[in-house]
PDB file of all heavy atoms in Angstrom:
ATOM      1  N   ARG A   1     -23.401  -1.743   7.394  1.00  0.00           N
ATOM      2  CA  ARG A   1     -23.218  -0.317   6.980  1.00  0.00           C
ATOM      3  C   ARG A   1     -22.540   0.494   8.047  1.00  0.00           C
ATOM      4  O   ARG A   1     -22.774   1.677   8.197  1.00  0.00           O
ATOM      5  CB  ARG A   1     -24.571   0.282   6.687  1.00  0.00           C
ATOM      6  CG  ARG A   1     -25.237  -0.220   5.438  1.00  0.00           C
ATOM      7  CD  ARG A   1     -26.570   0.507   5.235  1.00  0.00           C
ATOM      8  NE  ARG A   1     -27.184   0.166   3.975  1.00  0.00           N
ATOM      9  CZ  ARG A   1     -27.189   0.932   2.884  1.00  0.00           C
ATOM     10  NH1 ARG A   1     -26.550   2.073   2.920  1.00  0.00           N
ATOM     11  NH2 ARG A   1     -27.763   0.573   1.805  1.00  0.00           N
ATOM     12  N   LYS A   2     -21.665  -0.110   8.788  1.00  0.00           N
ATOM     13  CA  LYS A   2     -20.921   0.624   9.815  1.00  0.00           C
ATOM     14  C   LYS A   2     -19.427   0.591   9.430  1.00  0.00           C
ATOM     15  O   LYS A   2     -18.936  -0.370   8.832  1.00  0.00           O
ATOM     16  CB  LYS A   2     -21.065  -0.015  11.203  1.00  0.00           C
ATOM     17  CG  LYS A   2     -22.464   0.076  11.776  1.00  0.00           C
ATOM     18  CD  LYS A   2     -22.758   1.514  12.185  1.00  0.00           C
ATOM     19  CE  LYS A   2     -24.085   1.609  12.898  1.00  0.00           C
ATOM     20  NZ  LYS A   2     -24.455   2.987  13.175  1.00  0.00           N
ATOM     21  N   PHE A   3     -18.683   1.619   9.815  1.00  0.00           N
ATOM     22  CA  PHE A   3     -17.277   1.724   9.491  1.00  0.00           C
ATOM     23  C   PHE A   3     -16.488   0.512   9.946  1.00  0.00           C
ATOM     24  O   PHE A   3     -15.619   0.006   9.247  1.00  0.00           O
ATOM     25  CB  PHE A   3     -16.696   3.004  10.117  1.00  0.00           C
ATOM     26  CG  PHE A   3     -15.289   3.269   9.701  1.00  0.00           C
ATOM     27  CD1 PHE A   3     -15.047   4.027   8.567  1.00  0.00           C
ATOM     28  CD2 PHE A   3     -14.186   2.864  10.440  1.00  0.00           C
ATOM     29  CE1 PHE A   3     -13.775   4.312   8.128  1.00  0.00           C
ATOM     30  CE2 PHE A   3     -12.906   3.172  10.008  1.00  0.00           C
ATOM     31  CZ  PHE A   3     -12.678   3.905   8.876  1.00  0.00           C
ATOM     32  N   PHE A   4     -16.790   0.012  11.155  1.00  0.00           N
ATOM     33  CA  PHE A   4     -16.090  -1.122  11.668  1.00  0.00           C
ATOM     34  C   PHE A   4     -16.891  -2.446  11.514  1.00  0.00           C
ATOM     35  O   PHE A   4     -16.597  -3.435  12.251  1.00  0.00           O
ATOM     36  CB  PHE A   4     -15.767  -0.950  13.148  1.00  0.00           C
ATOM     37  CG  PHE A   4     -14.620   0.058  13.375  1.00  0.00           C
ATOM     38  CD1 PHE A   4     -14.846   1.219  14.015  1.00  0.00           C
ATOM     39  CD2 PHE A   4     -13.376  -0.224  12.902  1.00  0.00           C
ATOM     40  CE1 PHE A   4     -13.858   2.171  14.197  1.00  0.00           C
ATOM     41  CE2 PHE A   4     -12.331   0.692  13.095  1.00  0.00           C
ATOM     42  CZ  PHE A   4     -12.584   1.858  13.744  1.00  0.00           C
ATOM     43  N   SER A   5     -17.844  -2.478  10.609  1.00  0.00           N
ATOM     44  CA  SER A   5     -18.533  -3.795  10.369  1.00  0.00           C
ATOM     45  C   SER A   5     -17.521  -4.819   9.852  1.00  0.00           C
ATOM     46  O   SER A   5     -16.777  -4.570   8.872  1.00  0.00           O
ATOM     47  CB  SER A   5     -19.667  -3.610   9.316  1.00  0.00           C
ATOM     48  OG  SER A   5     -20.681  -2.822   9.827  1.00  0.00           O
ATOM     49  N   ARG A   6     -17.454  -5.927  10.481  1.00  0.00           N
ATOM     50  CA  ARG A   6     -16.527  -6.989  10.120  1.00  0.00           C
ATOM     51  C   ARG A   6     -17.276  -8.337  10.089  1.00  0.00           C
ATOM     52  O   ARG A   6     -18.182  -8.456  10.840  1.00  0.00           O
ATOM     53  CB  ARG A   6     -15.319  -7.098  11.049  1.00  0.00           C
ATOM     54  CG  ARG A   6     -14.479  -5.840  11.083  1.00  0.00           C
ATOM     55  CD  ARG A   6     -13.799  -5.563   9.755  1.00  0.00           C
ATOM     56  NE  ARG A   6     -12.900  -4.391   9.803  1.00  0.00           N
ATOM     57  CZ  ARG A   6     -13.286  -3.131   9.521  1.00  0.00           C
ATOM     58  NH1 ARG A   6     -14.503  -2.878   9.193  1.00  0.00           N
ATOM     59  NH2 ARG A   6     -12.379  -2.172   9.537  1.00  0.00           N
ATOM     60  N   PRO A   7     -16.896  -9.322   9.322  1.00  0.00           N
ATOM     61  CA  PRO A   7     -15.700  -9.340   8.498  1.00  0.00           C
ATOM     62  C   PRO A   7     -15.911  -8.513   7.250  1.00  0.00           C
ATOM     63  O   PRO A   7     -17.017  -8.177   6.869  1.00  0.00           O
ATOM     64  CB  PRO A   7     -15.543 -10.813   8.135  1.00  0.00           C
ATOM     65  CG  PRO A   7     -16.920 -11.428   8.253  1.00  0.00           C
ATOM     66  CD  PRO A   7     -17.626 -10.584   9.328  1.00  0.00           C
ATOM     67  N   VAL A   8     -14.758  -8.179   6.608  1.00  0.00           N
ATOM     68  CA  VAL A   8     -14.755  -7.440   5.333  1.00  0.00           C
ATOM     69  C   VAL A   8     -13.687  -8.020   4.404  1.00  0.00           C
ATOM     70  O   VAL A   8     -12.644  -8.449   4.889  1.00  0.00           O
ATOM     71  CB  VAL A   8     -14.564  -5.905   5.568  1.00  0.00           C
ATOM     72  CG1 VAL A   8     -13.162  -5.615   6.124  1.00  0.00           C
ATOM     73  CG2 VAL A   8     -14.803  -5.117   4.349  1.00  0.00           C
ATOM     74  N   LEU A   9     -14.050  -8.107   3.137  1.00  0.00           N
ATOM     75  CA  LEU A   9     -13.126  -8.514   2.122  1.00  0.00           C
ATOM     76  C   LEU A   9     -12.948  -7.344   1.146  1.00  0.00           C
ATOM     77  O   LEU A   9     -13.941  -6.841   0.672  1.00  0.00           O
ATOM     78  CB  LEU A   9     -13.647  -9.757   1.383  1.00  0.00           C
ATOM     79  CG  LEU A   9     -12.832 -10.271   0.201  1.00  0.00           C
ATOM     80  CD1 LEU A   9     -11.506 -10.847   0.674  1.00  0.00           C
ATOM     81  CD2 LEU A   9     -13.620 -11.321  -0.581  1.00  0.00           C
ATOM     82  N   ARG A  10     -11.729  -6.964   0.876  1.00  0.00           N
ATOM     83  CA  ARG A  10     -11.534  -5.768   0.016  1.00  0.00           C
ATOM     84  C   ARG A  10     -10.440  -6.056  -1.031  1.00  0.00           C
ATOM     85  O   ARG A  10      -9.449  -6.729  -0.747  1.00  0.00           O
ATOM     86  CB  ARG A  10     -11.184  -4.561   0.849  1.00  0.00           C
ATOM     87  CG  ARG A  10      -9.948  -4.546   1.616  1.00  0.00           C
ATOM     88  CD  ARG A  10      -9.694  -3.227   2.391  1.00  0.00           C
ATOM     89  NE  ARG A  10     -10.644  -2.943   3.378  1.00  0.00           N
ATOM     90  CZ  ARG A  10     -10.451  -3.211   4.717  1.00  0.00           C
ATOM     91  NH1 ARG A  10      -9.311  -3.730   5.115  1.00  0.00           N
ATOM     92  NH2 ARG A  10     -11.353  -2.885   5.532  1.00  0.00           N
ATOM     93  N   LEU A  11     -10.648  -5.478  -2.168  1.00  0.00           N
ATOM     94  CA  LEU A  11      -9.594  -5.356  -3.190  1.00  0.00           C
ATOM     95  C   LEU A  11      -8.988  -3.936  -2.990  1.00  0.00           C
ATOM     96  O   LEU A  11      -9.760  -3.021  -2.635  1.00  0.00           O
ATOM     97  CB  LEU A  11     -10.177  -5.420  -4.585  1.00  0.00           C
ATOM     98  CG  LEU A  11     -10.930  -6.698  -4.950  1.00  0.00           C
ATOM     99  CD1 LEU A  11     -11.602  -6.522  -6.308  1.00  0.00           C
ATOM    100  CD2 LEU A  11      -9.991  -7.881  -4.983  1.00  0.00           C
ATOM    101  N   PHE A  12      -7.716  -3.790  -3.161  1.00  0.00           N
ATOM    102  CA  PHE A  12      -7.193  -2.426  -3.022  1.00  0.00           C
ATOM    103  C   PHE A  12      -6.170  -2.105  -4.100  1.00  0.00           C
ATOM    104  O   PHE A  12      -5.468  -2.986  -4.598  1.00  0.00           O
ATOM    105  CB  PHE A  12      -6.570  -2.222  -1.629  1.00  0.00           C
ATOM    106  CG  PHE A  12      -5.294  -3.059  -1.391  1.00  0.00           C
ATOM    107  CD1 PHE A  12      -4.045  -2.496  -1.744  1.00  0.00           C
ATOM    108  CD2 PHE A  12      -5.339  -4.312  -0.861  1.00  0.00           C
ATOM    109  CE1 PHE A  12      -2.877  -3.217  -1.538  1.00  0.00           C
ATOM    110  CE2 PHE A  12      -4.182  -5.040  -0.635  1.00  0.00           C
ATOM    111  CZ  PHE A  12      -2.964  -4.521  -0.975  1.00  0.00           C
ATOM    112  N   LEU A  13      -6.070  -0.852  -4.409  1.00  0.00           N
ATOM    113  CA  LEU A  13      -5.061  -0.322  -5.313  1.00  0.00           C
ATOM    114  C   LEU A  13      -4.488   0.932  -4.628  1.00  0.00           C
ATOM    115  O   LEU A  13      -5.256   1.836  -4.272  1.00  0.00           O
ATOM    116  CB  LEU A  13      -5.679   0.063  -6.673  1.00  0.00           C
ATOM    117  CG  LEU A  13      -4.769   0.804  -7.617  1.00  0.00           C
ATOM    118  CD1 LEU A  13      -3.614  -0.091  -8.055  1.00  0.00           C
ATOM    119  CD2 LEU A  13      -5.553   1.295  -8.838  1.00  0.00           C
ATOM    120  N   THR A  14      -3.229   0.932  -4.377  1.00  0.00           N
ATOM    121  CA  THR A  14      -2.558   2.033  -3.700  1.00  0.00           C
ATOM    122  C   THR A  14      -1.442   2.643  -4.546  1.00  0.00           C
ATOM    123  O   THR A  14      -0.658   1.922  -5.159  1.00  0.00           O
ATOM    124  CB  THR A  14      -1.909   1.558  -2.376  1.00  0.00           C
ATOM    125  OG1 THR A  14      -2.943   1.046  -1.525  1.00  0.00           O
ATOM    126  CG2 THR A  14      -1.176   2.675  -1.650  1.00  0.00           C
ATOM    127  N   TYR A  15      -1.453   3.958  -4.625  1.00  0.00           N
ATOM    128  CA  TYR A  15      -0.360   4.710  -5.247  1.00  0.00           C
ATOM    129  C   TYR A  15       0.366   5.497  -4.148  1.00  0.00           C
ATOM    130  O   TYR A  15      -0.334   6.166  -3.355  1.00  0.00           O
ATOM    131  CB  TYR A  15      -0.835   5.668  -6.324  1.00  0.00           C
ATOM    132  CG  TYR A  15       0.264   6.585  -6.827  1.00  0.00           C
ATOM    133  CD1 TYR A  15       1.217   6.119  -7.689  1.00  0.00           C
ATOM    134  CD2 TYR A  15       0.324   7.881  -6.377  1.00  0.00           C
ATOM    135  CE1 TYR A  15       2.283   6.924  -8.068  1.00  0.00           C
ATOM    136  CE2 TYR A  15       1.367   8.729  -6.817  1.00  0.00           C
ATOM    137  CZ  TYR A  15       2.301   8.241  -7.671  1.00  0.00           C
ATOM    138  OH  TYR A  15       3.314   9.047  -8.040  1.00  0.00           O
ATOM    139  N   ALA A  16       1.670   5.418  -4.078  1.00  0.00           N
ATOM    140  CA  ALA A  16       2.448   6.189  -3.112  1.00  0.00           C
ATOM    141  C   ALA A  16       3.595   6.893  -3.825  1.00  0.00           C
ATOM    142  O   ALA A  16       4.112   6.376  -4.786  1.00  0.00           O
ATOM    143  CB  ALA A  16       2.936   5.292  -2.015  1.00  0.00           C
ATOM    144  N   SER A  17       3.954   8.047  -3.272  1.00  0.00           N
ATOM    145  CA  SER A  17       5.117   8.717  -3.775  1.00  0.00           C
ATOM    146  C   SER A  17       5.873   9.292  -2.537  1.00  0.00           C
ATOM    147  O   SER A  17       5.234   9.586  -1.537  1.00  0.00           O
ATOM    148  CB  SER A  17       4.825   9.842  -4.768  1.00  0.00           C
ATOM    149  OG  SER A  17       3.990  10.835  -4.177  1.00  0.00           O
ATOM    150  N   TRP A  18       7.180   9.411  -2.661  1.00  0.00           N
ATOM    151  CA  TRP A  18       7.986   9.879  -1.539  1.00  0.00           C
ATOM    152  C   TRP A  18       9.182  10.688  -2.037  1.00  0.00           C
ATOM    153  O   TRP A  18       9.549  10.603  -3.201  1.00  0.00           O
ATOM    154  CB  TRP A  18       8.422   8.731  -0.646  1.00  0.00           C
ATOM    155  CG  TRP A  18       9.067   7.583  -1.386  1.00  0.00           C
ATOM    156  CD1 TRP A  18      10.398   7.398  -1.615  1.00  0.00           C
ATOM    157  CD2 TRP A  18       8.396   6.457  -2.034  1.00  0.00           C
ATOM    158  NE1 TRP A  18      10.593   6.248  -2.329  1.00  0.00           N
ATOM    159  CE2 TRP A  18       9.398   5.658  -2.592  1.00  0.00           C
ATOM    160  CE3 TRP A  18       7.041   6.107  -2.142  1.00  0.00           C
ATOM    161  CZ2 TRP A  18       9.068   4.479  -3.282  1.00  0.00           C
ATOM    162  CZ3 TRP A  18       6.764   4.920  -2.821  1.00  0.00           C
ATOM    163  CH2 TRP A  18       7.755   4.148  -3.382  1.00  0.00           C
ATOM    164  N   SER A  19       9.709  11.483  -1.181  1.00  0.00           N
ATOM    165  CA  SER A  19      10.804  12.375  -1.534  1.00  0.00           C
ATOM    166  C   SER A  19      12.063  11.561  -1.729  1.00  0.00           C
ATOM    167  O   SER A  19      12.227  10.415  -1.257  1.00  0.00           O
ATOM    168  CB  SER A  19      11.001  13.434  -0.479  1.00  0.00           C
ATOM    169  OG  SER A  19      11.327  12.870   0.748  1.00  0.00           O
ATOM    170  N   ASP A  20      13.001  12.156  -2.428  1.00  0.00           N
ATOM    171  CA  ASP A  20      14.283  11.517  -2.718  1.00  0.00           C
ATOM    172  C   ASP A  20      15.044  11.114  -1.471  1.00  0.00           C
ATOM    173  O   ASP A  20      15.756  10.131  -1.439  1.00  0.00           O
ATOM    174  CB  ASP A  20      15.153  12.428  -3.585  1.00  0.00           C
ATOM    175  CG  ASP A  20      16.221  11.651  -4.335  1.00  0.00           C
ATOM    176  OD1 ASP A  20      15.892  10.652  -4.991  1.00  0.00           O
ATOM    177  OD2 ASP A  20      17.389  12.044  -4.232  1.00  0.00           O
ATOM    178  N   GLY A  21      14.827  11.856  -0.362  1.00  0.00           N
ATOM    179  CA  GLY A  21      15.496  11.576   0.913  1.00  0.00           C
ATOM    180  C   GLY A  21      15.038  10.256   1.526  1.00  0.00           C
ATOM    181  O   GLY A  21      15.695   9.720   2.406  1.00  0.00           O
ATOM    182  N   LEU A  22      13.981   9.667   1.016  1.00  0.00           N
ATOM    183  CA  LEU A  22      13.493   8.376   1.522  1.00  0.00           C
ATOM    184  C   LEU A  22      13.734   7.246   0.517  1.00  0.00           C
ATOM    185  O   LEU A  22      13.327   6.126   0.764  1.00  0.00           O
ATOM    186  CB  LEU A  22      12.004   8.442   1.851  1.00  0.00           C
ATOM    187  CG  LEU A  22      11.627   9.370   3.005  1.00  0.00           C
ATOM    188  CD1 LEU A  22      10.110   9.350   3.210  1.00  0.00           C
ATOM    189  CD2 LEU A  22      12.355   9.031   4.293  1.00  0.00           C
ATOM    190  N   ARG A  23      14.387   7.546  -0.609  1.00  0.00           N
ATOM    191  CA  ARG A  23      14.683   6.505  -1.595  1.00  0.00           C
ATOM    192  C   ARG A  23      15.492   5.390  -0.919  1.00  0.00           C
ATOM    193  O   ARG A  23      16.461   5.637  -0.228  1.00  0.00           O
ATOM    194  CB  ARG A  23      15.523   7.125  -2.740  1.00  0.00           C
ATOM    195  CG  ARG A  23      15.790   6.186  -3.858  1.00  0.00           C
ATOM    196  CD  ARG A  23      16.722   6.766  -4.912  1.00  0.00           C
ATOM    197  NE  ARG A  23      16.216   8.023  -5.445  1.00  0.00           N
ATOM    198  CZ  ARG A  23      15.589   8.127  -6.638  1.00  0.00           C
ATOM    199  NH1 ARG A  23      15.391   7.022  -7.346  1.00  0.00           N
ATOM    200  NH2 ARG A  23      15.218   9.264  -7.070  1.00  0.00           N
ATOM    201  N   GLY A  24      15.023   4.162  -1.134  1.00  0.00           N
ATOM    202  CA  GLY A  24      15.719   3.023  -0.559  1.00  0.00           C
ATOM    203  C   GLY A  24      15.183   2.647   0.850  1.00  0.00           C
ATOM    204  O   GLY A  24      15.561   1.654   1.419  1.00  0.00           O
ATOM    205  N   HIS A  25      14.341   3.485   1.411  1.00  0.00           N
ATOM    206  CA  HIS A  25      13.809   3.240   2.771  1.00  0.00           C
ATOM    207  C   HIS A  25      12.293   2.950   2.766  1.00  0.00           C
ATOM    208  O   HIS A  25      11.734   2.740   3.816  1.00  0.00           O
ATOM    209  CB  HIS A  25      14.068   4.470   3.699  1.00  0.00           C
ATOM    210  CG  HIS A  25      15.523   4.738   3.906  1.00  0.00           C
ATOM    211  ND1 HIS A  25      16.287   4.033   4.789  1.00  0.00           N
ATOM    212  CD2 HIS A  25      16.353   5.676   3.286  1.00  0.00           C
ATOM    213  CE1 HIS A  25      17.516   4.521   4.784  1.00  0.00           C
ATOM    214  NE2 HIS A  25      17.582   5.500   3.872  1.00  0.00           N
ATOM    215  N   VAL A  26      11.704   3.030   1.587  1.00  0.00           N
ATOM    216  CA  VAL A  26      10.233   2.875   1.493  1.00  0.00           C
ATOM    217  C   VAL A  26       9.924   1.766   0.487  1.00  0.00           C
ATOM    218  O   VAL A  26      10.510   1.686  -0.570  1.00  0.00           O
ATOM    219  CB  VAL A  26       9.561   4.162   1.045  1.00  0.00           C
ATOM    220  CG1 VAL A  26       8.087   3.987   0.753  1.00  0.00           C
ATOM    221  CG2 VAL A  26       9.792   5.270   2.026  1.00  0.00           C
ATOM    222  N   GLY A  27       9.013   0.890   0.855  1.00  0.00           N
ATOM    223  CA  GLY A  27       8.468  -0.084  -0.097  1.00  0.00           C
ATOM    224  C   GLY A  27       9.298  -1.362  -0.328  1.00  0.00           C
ATOM    225  O   GLY A  27       8.950  -2.197  -1.120  1.00  0.00           O
ATOM    226  N   GLY A  28      10.385  -1.520   0.406  1.00  0.00           N
ATOM    227  CA  GLY A  28      11.176  -2.728   0.305  1.00  0.00           C
ATOM    228  C   GLY A  28      11.894  -2.834  -1.002  1.00  0.00           C
ATOM    229  O   GLY A  28      12.037  -1.888  -1.777  1.00  0.00           O
ATOM    230  N   THR A  29      12.334  -4.043  -1.339  1.00  0.00           N
ATOM    231  CA  THR A  29      13.136  -4.295  -2.525  1.00  0.00           C
ATOM    232  C   THR A  29      12.517  -3.866  -3.858  1.00  0.00           C
ATOM    233  O   THR A  29      13.201  -3.301  -4.645  1.00  0.00           O
ATOM    234  CB  THR A  29      13.518  -5.826  -2.573  1.00  0.00           C
ATOM    235  OG1 THR A  29      14.190  -6.122  -1.328  1.00  0.00           O
ATOM    236  CG2 THR A  29      14.432  -6.128  -3.700  1.00  0.00           C
ATOM    237  N   PRO A  30      11.219  -4.122  -4.060  1.00  0.00           N
ATOM    238  CA  PRO A  30      10.649  -3.721  -5.361  1.00  0.00           C
ATOM    239  C   PRO A  30      10.770  -2.206  -5.662  1.00  0.00           C
ATOM    240  O   PRO A  30      10.726  -1.795  -6.789  1.00  0.00           O
ATOM    241  CB  PRO A  30       9.183  -4.127  -5.286  1.00  0.00           C
ATOM    242  CG  PRO A  30       9.125  -5.143  -4.201  1.00  0.00           C
ATOM    243  CD  PRO A  30      10.226  -4.803  -3.242  1.00  0.00           C
ATOM    244  N   PHE A  31      10.869  -1.368  -4.632  1.00  0.00           N
ATOM    245  CA  PHE A  31      10.839   0.072  -4.849  1.00  0.00           C
ATOM    246  C   PHE A  31      12.176   0.731  -4.340  1.00  0.00           C
ATOM    247  O   PHE A  31      12.194   1.919  -4.164  1.00  0.00           O
ATOM    248  CB  PHE A  31       9.656   0.714  -4.125  1.00  0.00           C
ATOM    249  CG  PHE A  31       8.375   0.182  -4.589  1.00  0.00           C
ATOM    250  CD1 PHE A  31       7.640  -0.801  -3.831  1.00  0.00           C
ATOM    251  CD2 PHE A  31       7.793   0.605  -5.775  1.00  0.00           C
ATOM    252  CE1 PHE A  31       6.436  -1.309  -4.292  1.00  0.00           C
ATOM    253  CE2 PHE A  31       6.567   0.109  -6.223  1.00  0.00           C
ATOM    254  CZ  PHE A  31       5.933  -0.849  -5.467  1.00  0.00           C
ATOM    255  N   LYS A  32      13.206  -0.034  -4.156  1.00  0.00           N
ATOM    256  CA  LYS A  32      14.432   0.505  -3.558  1.00  0.00           C
ATOM    257  C   LYS A  32      15.085   1.621  -4.315  1.00  0.00           C
ATOM    258  O   LYS A  32      15.713   2.493  -3.687  1.00  0.00           O
ATOM    259  CB  LYS A  32      15.442  -0.613  -3.254  1.00  0.00           C
ATOM    260  CG  LYS A  32      16.139  -1.166  -4.445  1.00  0.00           C
ATOM    261  CD  LYS A  32      17.164  -2.220  -4.082  1.00  0.00           C
ATOM    262  CE  LYS A  32      17.844  -2.749  -5.321  1.00  0.00           C
ATOM    263  NZ  LYS A  32      18.917  -3.618  -4.980  1.00  0.00           N
ATOM    264  N   ASP A  33      14.970   1.700  -5.643  1.00  0.00           N
ATOM    265  CA  ASP A  33      15.594   2.715  -6.409  1.00  0.00           C
ATOM    266  C   ASP A  33      14.537   3.724  -6.944  1.00  0.00           C
ATOM    267  O   ASP A  33      14.792   4.470  -7.891  1.00  0.00           O
ATOM    268  CB  ASP A  33      16.335   2.150  -7.581  1.00  0.00           C
ATOM    269  CG  ASP A  33      17.540   1.290  -7.110  1.00  0.00           C
ATOM    270  OD1 ASP A  33      18.154   1.696  -6.099  1.00  0.00           O
ATOM    271  OD2 ASP A  33      17.785   0.270  -7.714  1.00  0.00           O
ATOM    272  N   LYS A  34      13.353   3.740  -6.396  1.00  0.00           N
ATOM    273  CA  LYS A  34      12.259   4.521  -6.905  1.00  0.00           C
ATOM    274  C   LYS A  34      11.769   5.562  -5.884  1.00  0.00           C
ATOM    275  O   LYS A  34      12.084   5.480  -4.694  1.00  0.00           O
ATOM    276  CB  LYS A  34      11.086   3.649  -7.321  1.00  0.00           C
ATOM    277  CG  LYS A  34      11.515   2.689  -8.424  1.00  0.00           C
ATOM    278  CD  LYS A  34      10.370   1.803  -8.844  1.00  0.00           C
ATOM    279  CE  LYS A  34      10.922   0.878  -9.942  1.00  0.00           C
ATOM    280  NZ  LYS A  34       9.881   0.032 -10.473  1.00  0.00           N
ATOM    281  N   THR A  35      10.958   6.493  -6.346  1.00  0.00           N
ATOM    282  CA  THR A  35      10.312   7.457  -5.421  1.00  0.00           C
ATOM    283  C   THR A  35       8.810   7.461  -5.599  1.00  0.00           C
ATOM    284  O   THR A  35       8.154   8.347  -5.150  1.00  0.00           O
ATOM    285  CB  THR A  35      10.842   8.896  -5.672  1.00  0.00           C
ATOM    286  OG1 THR A  35      10.646   9.246  -6.982  1.00  0.00           O
ATOM    287  CG2 THR A  35      12.332   8.977  -5.287  1.00  0.00           C
ATOM    288  N   SER A  36       8.274   6.404  -6.227  1.00  0.00           N
ATOM    289  CA  SER A  36       6.827   6.234  -6.317  1.00  0.00           C
ATOM    290  C   SER A  36       6.519   4.808  -6.765  1.00  0.00           C
ATOM    291  O   SER A  36       7.415   4.107  -7.275  1.00  0.00           O
ATOM    292  CB  SER A  36       6.233   7.258  -7.329  1.00  0.00           C
ATOM    293  OG  SER A  36       6.669   7.002  -8.640  1.00  0.00           O
ATOM    294  N   GLY A  37       5.253   4.427  -6.658  1.00  0.00           N
ATOM    295  CA  GLY A  37       4.869   3.112  -7.122  1.00  0.00           C
ATOM    296  C   GLY A  37       3.454   2.761  -6.779  1.00  0.00           C
ATOM    297  O   GLY A  37       2.840   3.434  -5.942  1.00  0.00           O
ATOM    298  N   PHE A  38       2.970   1.755  -7.493  1.00  0.00           N
ATOM    299  CA  PHE A  38       1.628   1.221  -7.271  1.00  0.00           C
ATOM    300  C   PHE A  38       1.741  -0.132  -6.607  1.00  0.00           C
ATOM    301  O   PHE A  38       2.718  -0.894  -6.841  1.00  0.00           O
ATOM    302  CB  PHE A  38       0.906   1.003  -8.608  1.00  0.00           C
ATOM    303  CG  PHE A  38       0.330   2.228  -9.173  1.00  0.00           C
ATOM    304  CD1 PHE A  38       1.016   2.962 -10.148  1.00  0.00           C
ATOM    305  CD2 PHE A  38      -0.939   2.686  -8.795  1.00  0.00           C
ATOM    306  CE1 PHE A  38       0.440   4.101 -10.714  1.00  0.00           C
ATOM    307  CE2 PHE A  38      -1.477   3.843  -9.339  1.00  0.00           C
ATOM    308  CZ  PHE A  38      -0.762   4.538 -10.311  1.00  0.00           C
ATOM    309  N   THR A  39       0.763  -0.463  -5.806  1.00  0.00           N
ATOM    310  CA  THR A  39       0.659  -1.828  -5.257  1.00  0.00           C
ATOM    311  C   THR A  39      -0.833  -2.156  -5.199  1.00  0.00           C
ATOM    312  O   THR A  39      -1.708  -1.270  -5.129  1.00  0.00           O
ATOM    313  CB  THR A  39       1.334  -1.986  -3.878  1.00  0.00           C
ATOM    314  OG1 THR A  39       1.284  -3.371  -3.503  1.00  0.00           O
ATOM    315  CG2 THR A  39       0.601  -1.147  -2.848  1.00  0.00           C
ATOM    316  N   PHE A  40      -1.145  -3.454  -5.307  1.00  0.00           N
ATOM    317  CA  PHE A  40      -2.587  -3.851  -5.283  1.00  0.00           C
ATOM    318  C   PHE A  40      -2.627  -5.242  -4.630  1.00  0.00           C
ATOM    319  O   PHE A  40      -1.659  -5.935  -4.467  1.00  0.00           O
ATOM    320  CB  PHE A  40      -3.131  -3.891  -6.710  1.00  0.00           C
ATOM    321  CG  PHE A  40      -2.425  -4.843  -7.599  1.00  0.00           C
ATOM    322  CD1 PHE A  40      -2.840  -6.166  -7.734  1.00  0.00           C
ATOM    323  CD2 PHE A  40      -1.300  -4.428  -8.344  1.00  0.00           C
ATOM    324  CE1 PHE A  40      -2.192  -7.058  -8.584  1.00  0.00           C
ATOM    325  CE2 PHE A  40      -0.658  -5.325  -9.203  1.00  0.00           C
ATOM    326  CZ  PHE A  40      -1.058  -6.634  -9.307  1.00  0.00           C
ATOM    327  N   GLY A  41      -3.856  -5.591  -4.266  1.00  0.00           N
ATOM    328  CA  GLY A  41      -4.021  -6.886  -3.637  1.00  0.00           C
ATOM    329  C   GLY A  41      -5.411  -7.100  -3.116  1.00  0.00           C
ATOM    330  O   GLY A  41      -6.347  -6.307  -3.377  1.00  0.00           O
ATOM    331  N   VAL A  42      -5.569  -8.180  -2.359  1.00  0.00           N
ATOM    332  CA  VAL A  42      -6.805  -8.553  -1.706  1.00  0.00           C
ATOM    333  C   VAL A  42      -6.501  -8.665  -0.220  1.00  0.00           C
ATOM    334  O   VAL A  42      -5.461  -9.172   0.165  1.00  0.00           O
ATOM    335  CB  VAL A  42      -7.321  -9.920  -2.245  1.00  0.00           C
ATOM    336  CG1 VAL A  42      -8.569 -10.353  -1.512  1.00  0.00           C
ATOM    337  CG2 VAL A  42      -7.517  -9.878  -3.725  1.00  0.00           C
ATOM    338  N   GLN A  43      -7.455  -8.110   0.575  1.00  0.00           N
ATOM    339  CA  GLN A  43      -7.216  -8.174   2.031  1.00  0.00           C
ATOM    340  C   GLN A  43      -8.525  -8.548   2.704  1.00  0.00           C
ATOM    341  O   GLN A  43      -9.600  -8.169   2.266  1.00  0.00           O
ATOM    342  CB  GLN A  43      -6.803  -6.784   2.465  1.00  0.00           C
ATOM    343  CG  GLN A  43      -6.558  -6.620   3.943  1.00  0.00           C
ATOM    344  CD  GLN A  43      -6.252  -5.201   4.351  1.00  0.00           C
ATOM    345  OE1 GLN A  43      -6.943  -4.263   3.889  1.00  0.00           O
ATOM    346  NE2 GLN A  43      -5.315  -4.981   5.253  1.00  0.00           N
ATOM    347  N   THR A  44      -8.416  -9.326   3.765  1.00  0.00           N
ATOM    348  CA  THR A  44      -9.589  -9.629   4.586  1.00  0.00           C
ATOM    349  C   THR A  44      -9.282  -9.158   5.986  1.00  0.00           C
ATOM    350  O   THR A  44      -8.151  -9.162   6.464  1.00  0.00           O
ATOM    351  CB  THR A  44      -9.939 -11.119   4.533  1.00  0.00           C
ATOM    352  OG1 THR A  44     -11.159 -11.325   5.227  1.00  0.00           O
ATOM    353  CG2 THR A  44      -8.856 -12.001   5.143  1.00  0.00           C
ATOM    354  N   GLU A  45     -10.333  -8.757   6.681  1.00  0.00           N
ATOM    355  CA  GLU A  45     -10.167  -8.295   8.058  1.00  0.00           C
ATOM    356  C   GLU A  45     -11.351  -8.778   8.862  1.00  0.00           C
ATOM    357  O   GLU A  45     -12.505  -8.652   8.465  1.00  0.00           O
ATOM    358  CB  GLU A  45     -10.106  -6.763   8.039  1.00  0.00           C
ATOM    359  CG  GLU A  45      -9.753  -6.107   9.355  1.00  0.00           C
ATOM    360  CD  GLU A  45      -9.653  -4.623   9.223  1.00  0.00           C
ATOM    361  OE1 GLU A  45      -9.591  -4.062   8.113  1.00  0.00           O
ATOM    362  OE2 GLU A  45      -9.738  -3.966  10.259  1.00  0.00           O
ATOM    363  N   THR A  46     -11.030  -9.320  10.047  1.00  0.00           N
ATOM    364  CA  THR A  46     -12.088  -9.772  10.930  1.00  0.00           C
ATOM    365  C   THR A  46     -11.536  -9.790  12.371  1.00  0.00           C
ATOM    366  O   THR A  46     -10.345  -9.732  12.574  1.00  0.00           O
ATOM    367  CB  THR A  46     -12.607 -11.174  10.566  1.00  0.00           C
ATOM    368  OG1 THR A  46     -13.748 -11.493  11.338  1.00  0.00           O
ATOM    369  CG2 THR A  46     -11.533 -12.237  10.770  1.00  0.00           C
TER     370      THR A  46
END
């Protein structure tokens, strides 16, 4: 029950949006022509 208790396994869902001036510079190839997007996955940290 501590913020830095490890190991930890997490599922994540992230939504991001960015201004037109960053189009093509954020999110790599999947988001190169966009200004927002979702990503999800599984992460472990220890």
